[in-house]
Amino acid sequence: MKLRLAYDPYSSTADDDYQALVDELRKFDILGMLAREFTKSRIDEMLVRQLVKSIRFLHREVRDQAVESLLENMEVLYPIFSTVTIVLKHYCLI
């Protein structure tokens, strides 16, 4: 599974590209997918890394829930701790 989160803010169609990315992410249940991974004894690092990166493109309410879920499940996320901290740092600056 590969989820490509490419966004070029310098593109002439940056706003349209961003909206297209957000619309595509709405097709996926990011919180549900994260919740299923949290119940496993060992997460799928590649999948969860992509899910965590996609959090920044979610609507504010869903993003708040996702960040709360990340914080509550840090012990499961230790294999991708650096990715989680980068996303959380970005989230705190928004």
N, C-alpha and C. Protein backbone atom coordinates (compact mmCIF):
# COMPACT_ATOMS: atom_id res chain seq x y z
N MET A 1 0.85 -1.18 0.00
CA MET A 1 0.00 0.00 0.00
C MET A 1 0.89 1.23 0.00
N LYS A 2 0.59 2.15 -0.88
CA LYS A 2 1.35 3.38 -0.93
C LYS A 2 0.37 4.53 -1.02
N LEU A 3 0.53 5.45 -0.10
CA LEU A 3 -0.30 6.64 -0.07
C LEU A 3 0.63 7.82 -0.33
N ARG A 4 0.48 8.45 -1.46
CA ARG A 4 1.39 9.53 -1.84
C ARG A 4 0.81 10.86 -1.39
N LEU A 5 1.55 11.55 -0.54
CA LEU A 5 1.10 12.83 0.00
C LEU A 5 1.98 13.95 -0.53
N ALA A 6 2.01 14.11 -1.81
CA ALA A 6 2.83 15.14 -2.43
C ALA A 6 2.03 16.41 -2.61
N TYR A 7 2.58 17.50 -2.15
CA TYR A 7 1.93 18.80 -2.28
C TYR A 7 3.02 19.84 -2.53
N ASP A 8 2.90 20.56 -3.62
CA ASP A 8 3.88 21.58 -3.98
C ASP A 8 3.25 22.95 -3.79
N PRO A 9 3.61 23.67 -2.71
CA PRO A 9 3.00 24.98 -2.47
C PRO A 9 3.38 26.03 -3.50
N TYR A 10 4.41 25.76 -4.30
CA TYR A 10 4.86 26.73 -5.30
C TYR A 10 4.25 26.48 -6.67
N SER A 11 3.41 25.48 -6.78
CA SER A 11 2.76 25.17 -8.04
C SER A 11 1.73 26.25 -8.38
N SER A 12 1.49 26.44 -9.66
CA SER A 12 0.49 27.44 -10.07
C SER A 12 -0.93 26.97 -9.72
N THR A 13 -1.09 25.68 -9.48
CA THR A 13 -2.39 25.13 -9.10
C THR A 13 -2.35 24.58 -7.67
N ALA A 14 -1.60 25.22 -6.80
CA ALA A 14 -1.39 24.72 -5.44
C ALA A 14 -2.69 24.56 -4.67
N ASP A 15 -3.58 25.52 -4.75
CA ASP A 15 -4.83 25.43 -4.00
C ASP A 15 -5.70 24.27 -4.50
N ASP A 16 -5.78 24.13 -5.81
CA ASP A 16 -6.55 23.02 -6.38
C ASP A 16 -5.92 21.67 -6.03
N ASP A 17 -4.59 21.61 -6.07
CA ASP A 17 -3.89 20.37 -5.73
C ASP A 17 -4.13 20.00 -4.26
N TYR A 18 -4.10 20.99 -3.40
CA TYR A 18 -4.34 20.75 -1.97
C TYR A 18 -5.75 20.23 -1.75
N GLN A 19 -6.72 20.85 -2.40
CA GLN A 19 -8.12 20.42 -2.24
C GLN A 19 -8.30 19.01 -2.78
N ALA A 20 -7.64 18.69 -3.88
CA ALA A 20 -7.73 17.33 -4.43
C ALA A 20 -7.15 16.32 -3.45
N LEU A 21 -6.06 16.67 -2.80
CA LEU A 21 -5.44 15.79 -1.81
C LEU A 21 -6.37 15.58 -0.63
N VAL A 22 -6.97 16.64 -0.14
CA VAL A 22 -7.92 16.55 0.98
C VAL A 22 -9.12 15.69 0.58
N ASP A 23 -9.63 15.89 -0.62
CA ASP A 23 -10.78 15.11 -1.08
C ASP A 23 -10.45 13.62 -1.18
N GLU A 24 -9.26 13.30 -1.64
CA GLU A 24 -8.85 11.90 -1.73
C GLU A 24 -8.71 11.28 -0.34
N LEU A 25 -8.19 12.04 0.61
CA LEU A 25 -8.02 11.50 1.97
C LEU A 25 -9.35 11.26 2.66
N ARG A 26 -10.38 11.99 2.27
CA ARG A 26 -11.71 11.79 2.85
C ARG A 26 -12.27 10.41 2.52
N LYS A 27 -11.76 9.80 1.47
CA LYS A 27 -12.23 8.48 1.08
C LYS A 27 -11.76 7.39 2.05
N PHE A 28 -10.77 7.70 2.85
CA PHE A 28 -10.21 6.74 3.79
C PHE A 28 -10.63 7.07 5.21
N ASP A 29 -10.87 6.05 6.00
CA ASP A 29 -11.17 6.21 7.42
C ASP A 29 -9.84 6.18 8.18
N ILE A 30 -9.16 7.31 8.21
CA ILE A 30 -7.83 7.38 8.82
C ILE A 30 -7.88 6.99 10.29
N LEU A 31 -8.85 7.52 11.04
CA LEU A 31 -8.95 7.19 12.46
C LEU A 31 -9.24 5.70 12.67
N GLY A 32 -10.10 5.15 11.86
CA GLY A 32 -10.41 3.73 11.97
C GLY A 32 -9.21 2.86 11.67
N MET A 33 -8.47 3.24 10.65
CA MET A 33 -7.27 2.48 10.29
C MET A 33 -6.23 2.57 11.41
N LEU A 34 -6.07 3.75 11.98
CA LEU A 34 -5.14 3.90 13.10
C LEU A 34 -5.61 3.06 14.30
N ALA A 35 -6.89 3.11 14.58
CA ALA A 35 -7.43 2.35 15.73
C ALA A 35 -7.18 0.85 15.55
N ARG A 36 -7.36 0.34 14.35
CA ARG A 36 -7.09 -1.09 14.11
C ARG A 36 -5.62 -1.41 14.32
N GLU A 37 -4.74 -0.52 13.91
CA GLU A 37 -3.31 -0.75 14.10
C GLU A 37 -2.93 -0.71 15.58
N PHE A 38 -3.59 0.15 16.35
CA PHE A 38 -3.27 0.27 17.77
C PHE A 38 -3.65 -0.98 18.55
N THR A 39 -4.59 -1.77 18.03
CA THR A 39 -4.99 -2.99 18.74
C THR A 39 -4.03 -4.14 18.49
N LYS A 40 -3.16 -4.01 17.52
CA LYS A 40 -2.21 -5.07 17.20
C LYS A 40 -1.04 -5.04 18.18
N SER A 41 -0.41 -6.18 18.36
CA SER A 41 0.77 -6.22 19.22
C SER A 41 1.97 -5.56 18.54
N ARG A 42 1.97 -5.58 17.20
CA ARG A 42 3.04 -4.93 16.45
C ARG A 42 2.41 -4.23 15.24
N ILE A 43 2.63 -2.92 15.14
CA ILE A 43 2.01 -2.15 14.07
C ILE A 43 2.73 -2.38 12.74
N ASP A 44 2.02 -2.13 11.67
CA ASP A 44 2.62 -2.12 10.33
C ASP A 44 3.24 -0.73 10.18
N GLU A 45 4.55 -0.68 10.32
CA GLU A 45 5.25 0.62 10.37
C GLU A 45 5.03 1.46 9.14
N MET A 46 5.08 0.86 7.97
CA MET A 46 4.92 1.64 6.73
C MET A 46 3.52 2.24 6.64
N LEU A 47 2.51 1.44 6.95
CA LEU A 47 1.14 1.91 6.90
C LEU A 47 0.89 3.02 7.91
N VAL A 48 1.30 2.78 9.15
CA VAL A 48 1.05 3.77 10.20
C VAL A 48 1.84 5.05 9.94
N ARG A 49 3.03 4.93 9.41
CA ARG A 49 3.81 6.13 9.08
C ARG A 49 3.05 6.99 8.07
N GLN A 50 2.47 6.37 7.05
CA GLN A 50 1.69 7.12 6.05
C GLN A 50 0.42 7.69 6.66
N LEU A 51 -0.24 6.92 7.53
CA LEU A 51 -1.44 7.41 8.19
C LEU A 51 -1.14 8.62 9.07
N VAL A 52 -0.04 8.54 9.79
CA VAL A 52 0.35 9.65 10.67
C VAL A 52 0.66 10.89 9.84
N LYS A 53 1.36 10.71 8.74
CA LYS A 53 1.68 11.86 7.88
C LYS A 53 0.42 12.49 7.29
N SER A 54 -0.60 11.67 7.06
CA SER A 54 -1.82 12.19 6.43
C SER A 54 -2.68 12.99 7.40
N ILE A 55 -2.40 12.91 8.68
CA ILE A 55 -3.20 13.62 9.68
C ILE A 55 -3.25 15.12 9.42
N ARG A 56 -2.17 15.69 8.96
CA ARG A 56 -2.13 17.14 8.78
C ARG A 56 -3.10 17.65 7.71
N PHE A 57 -3.60 16.75 6.86
CA PHE A 57 -4.52 17.15 5.81
C PHE A 57 -5.99 16.95 6.18
N LEU A 58 -6.26 16.45 7.37
CA LEU A 58 -7.62 16.19 7.79
C LEU A 58 -8.29 17.45 8.32
N HIS A 59 -9.63 17.41 8.39
CA HIS A 59 -10.36 18.53 8.98
C HIS A 59 -9.98 18.66 10.45
N ARG A 60 -10.12 19.85 10.97
CA ARG A 60 -9.66 20.15 12.33
C ARG A 60 -10.23 19.20 13.38
N GLU A 61 -11.52 18.90 13.32
CA GLU A 61 -12.13 18.03 14.34
C GLU A 61 -11.53 16.63 14.28
N VAL A 62 -11.40 16.11 13.10
CA VAL A 62 -10.84 14.77 12.93
C VAL A 62 -9.37 14.78 13.29
N ARG A 63 -8.67 15.84 12.92
CA ARG A 63 -7.25 15.96 13.24
C ARG A 63 -7.05 16.00 14.75
N ASP A 64 -7.91 16.73 15.46
CA ASP A 64 -7.81 16.78 16.92
C ASP A 64 -7.97 15.39 17.52
N GLN A 65 -8.93 14.63 17.02
CA GLN A 65 -9.14 13.27 17.52
C GLN A 65 -7.95 12.38 17.21
N ALA A 66 -7.39 12.53 16.02
CA ALA A 66 -6.25 11.71 15.62
C ALA A 66 -5.03 12.02 16.48
N VAL A 67 -4.78 13.28 16.75
CA VAL A 67 -3.65 13.66 17.59
C VAL A 67 -3.83 13.12 19.01
N GLU A 68 -5.04 13.22 19.52
CA GLU A 68 -5.33 12.68 20.85
C GLU A 68 -5.07 11.17 20.87
N SER A 69 -5.48 10.50 19.82
CA SER A 69 -5.26 9.06 19.72
C SER A 69 -3.77 8.72 19.65
N LEU A 70 -3.02 9.53 18.92
CA LEU A 70 -1.57 9.31 18.86
C LEU A 70 -0.94 9.44 20.24
N LEU A 71 -1.33 10.48 20.96
CA LEU A 71 -0.77 10.71 22.28
C LEU A 71 -1.13 9.59 23.26
N GLU A 72 -2.32 9.05 23.14
CA GLU A 72 -2.75 7.97 24.02
C GLU A 72 -2.07 6.64 23.69
N ASN A 73 -1.54 6.51 22.49
CA ASN A 73 -0.96 5.24 22.06
C ASN A 73 0.53 5.33 21.73
N MET A 74 1.21 6.22 22.39
CA MET A 74 2.64 6.41 22.11
C MET A 74 3.46 5.14 22.33
N GLU A 75 3.07 4.31 23.30
CA GLU A 75 3.85 3.10 23.58
C GLU A 75 3.81 2.12 22.40
N VAL A 76 2.74 2.14 21.62
CA VAL A 76 2.63 1.28 20.45
C VAL A 76 3.38 1.89 19.27
N LEU A 77 3.52 3.20 19.27
CA LEU A 77 4.10 3.92 18.14
C LEU A 77 5.62 4.11 18.23
N TYR A 78 6.27 3.48 19.21
CA TYR A 78 7.71 3.71 19.36
C TYR A 78 8.54 3.40 18.12
N PRO A 79 8.14 2.43 17.24
CA PRO A 79 8.96 2.20 16.04
C PRO A 79 8.98 3.40 15.08
N ILE A 80 7.97 4.24 15.14
CA ILE A 80 7.92 5.40 14.24
C ILE A 80 7.87 6.69 15.05
N PHE A 81 8.52 6.68 16.19
CA PHE A 81 8.48 7.82 17.10
C PHE A 81 8.90 9.12 16.43
N SER A 82 9.93 9.08 15.61
CA SER A 82 10.40 10.32 14.97
C SER A 82 9.33 10.91 14.05
N THR A 83 8.64 10.07 13.30
CA THR A 83 7.57 10.55 12.42
C THR A 83 6.45 11.17 13.24
N VAL A 84 6.08 10.50 14.32
CA VAL A 84 5.01 11.00 15.17
C VAL A 84 5.38 12.36 15.77
N THR A 85 6.60 12.49 16.25
CA THR A 85 7.00 13.76 16.86
C THR A 85 7.05 14.90 15.84
N ILE A 86 7.45 14.61 14.62
CA ILE A 86 7.46 15.64 13.57
C ILE A 86 6.04 16.10 13.29
N VAL A 87 5.11 15.16 13.17
CA VAL A 87 3.71 15.52 12.91
C VAL A 87 3.14 16.30 14.09
N LEU A 88 3.43 15.86 15.30
CA LEU A 88 2.93 16.57 16.47
C LEU A 88 3.52 17.98 16.57
N LYS A 89 4.78 18.12 16.22
CA LYS A 89 5.38 19.46 16.22
C LYS A 89 4.67 20.35 15.21
N HIS A 90 4.41 19.83 14.02
CA HIS A 90 3.69 20.59 12.99
C HIS A 90 2.29 20.93 13.47
N TYR A 91 1.63 19.98 14.12
CA TYR A 91 0.27 20.20 14.61
C TYR A 91 0.23 21.32 15.63
N CYS A 92 1.20 21.36 16.51
CA CYS A 92 1.24 22.39 17.56
C CYS A 92 1.49 23.78 16.99
N LEU A 93 2.07 23.85 15.80
CA LEU A 93 2.36 25.15 15.19
C LEU A 93 1.20 25.68 14.35
N ILE A 94 0.20 24.85 14.14
CA ILE A 94 -0.94 25.27 13.29
C ILE A 94 -1.86 26.17 14.08
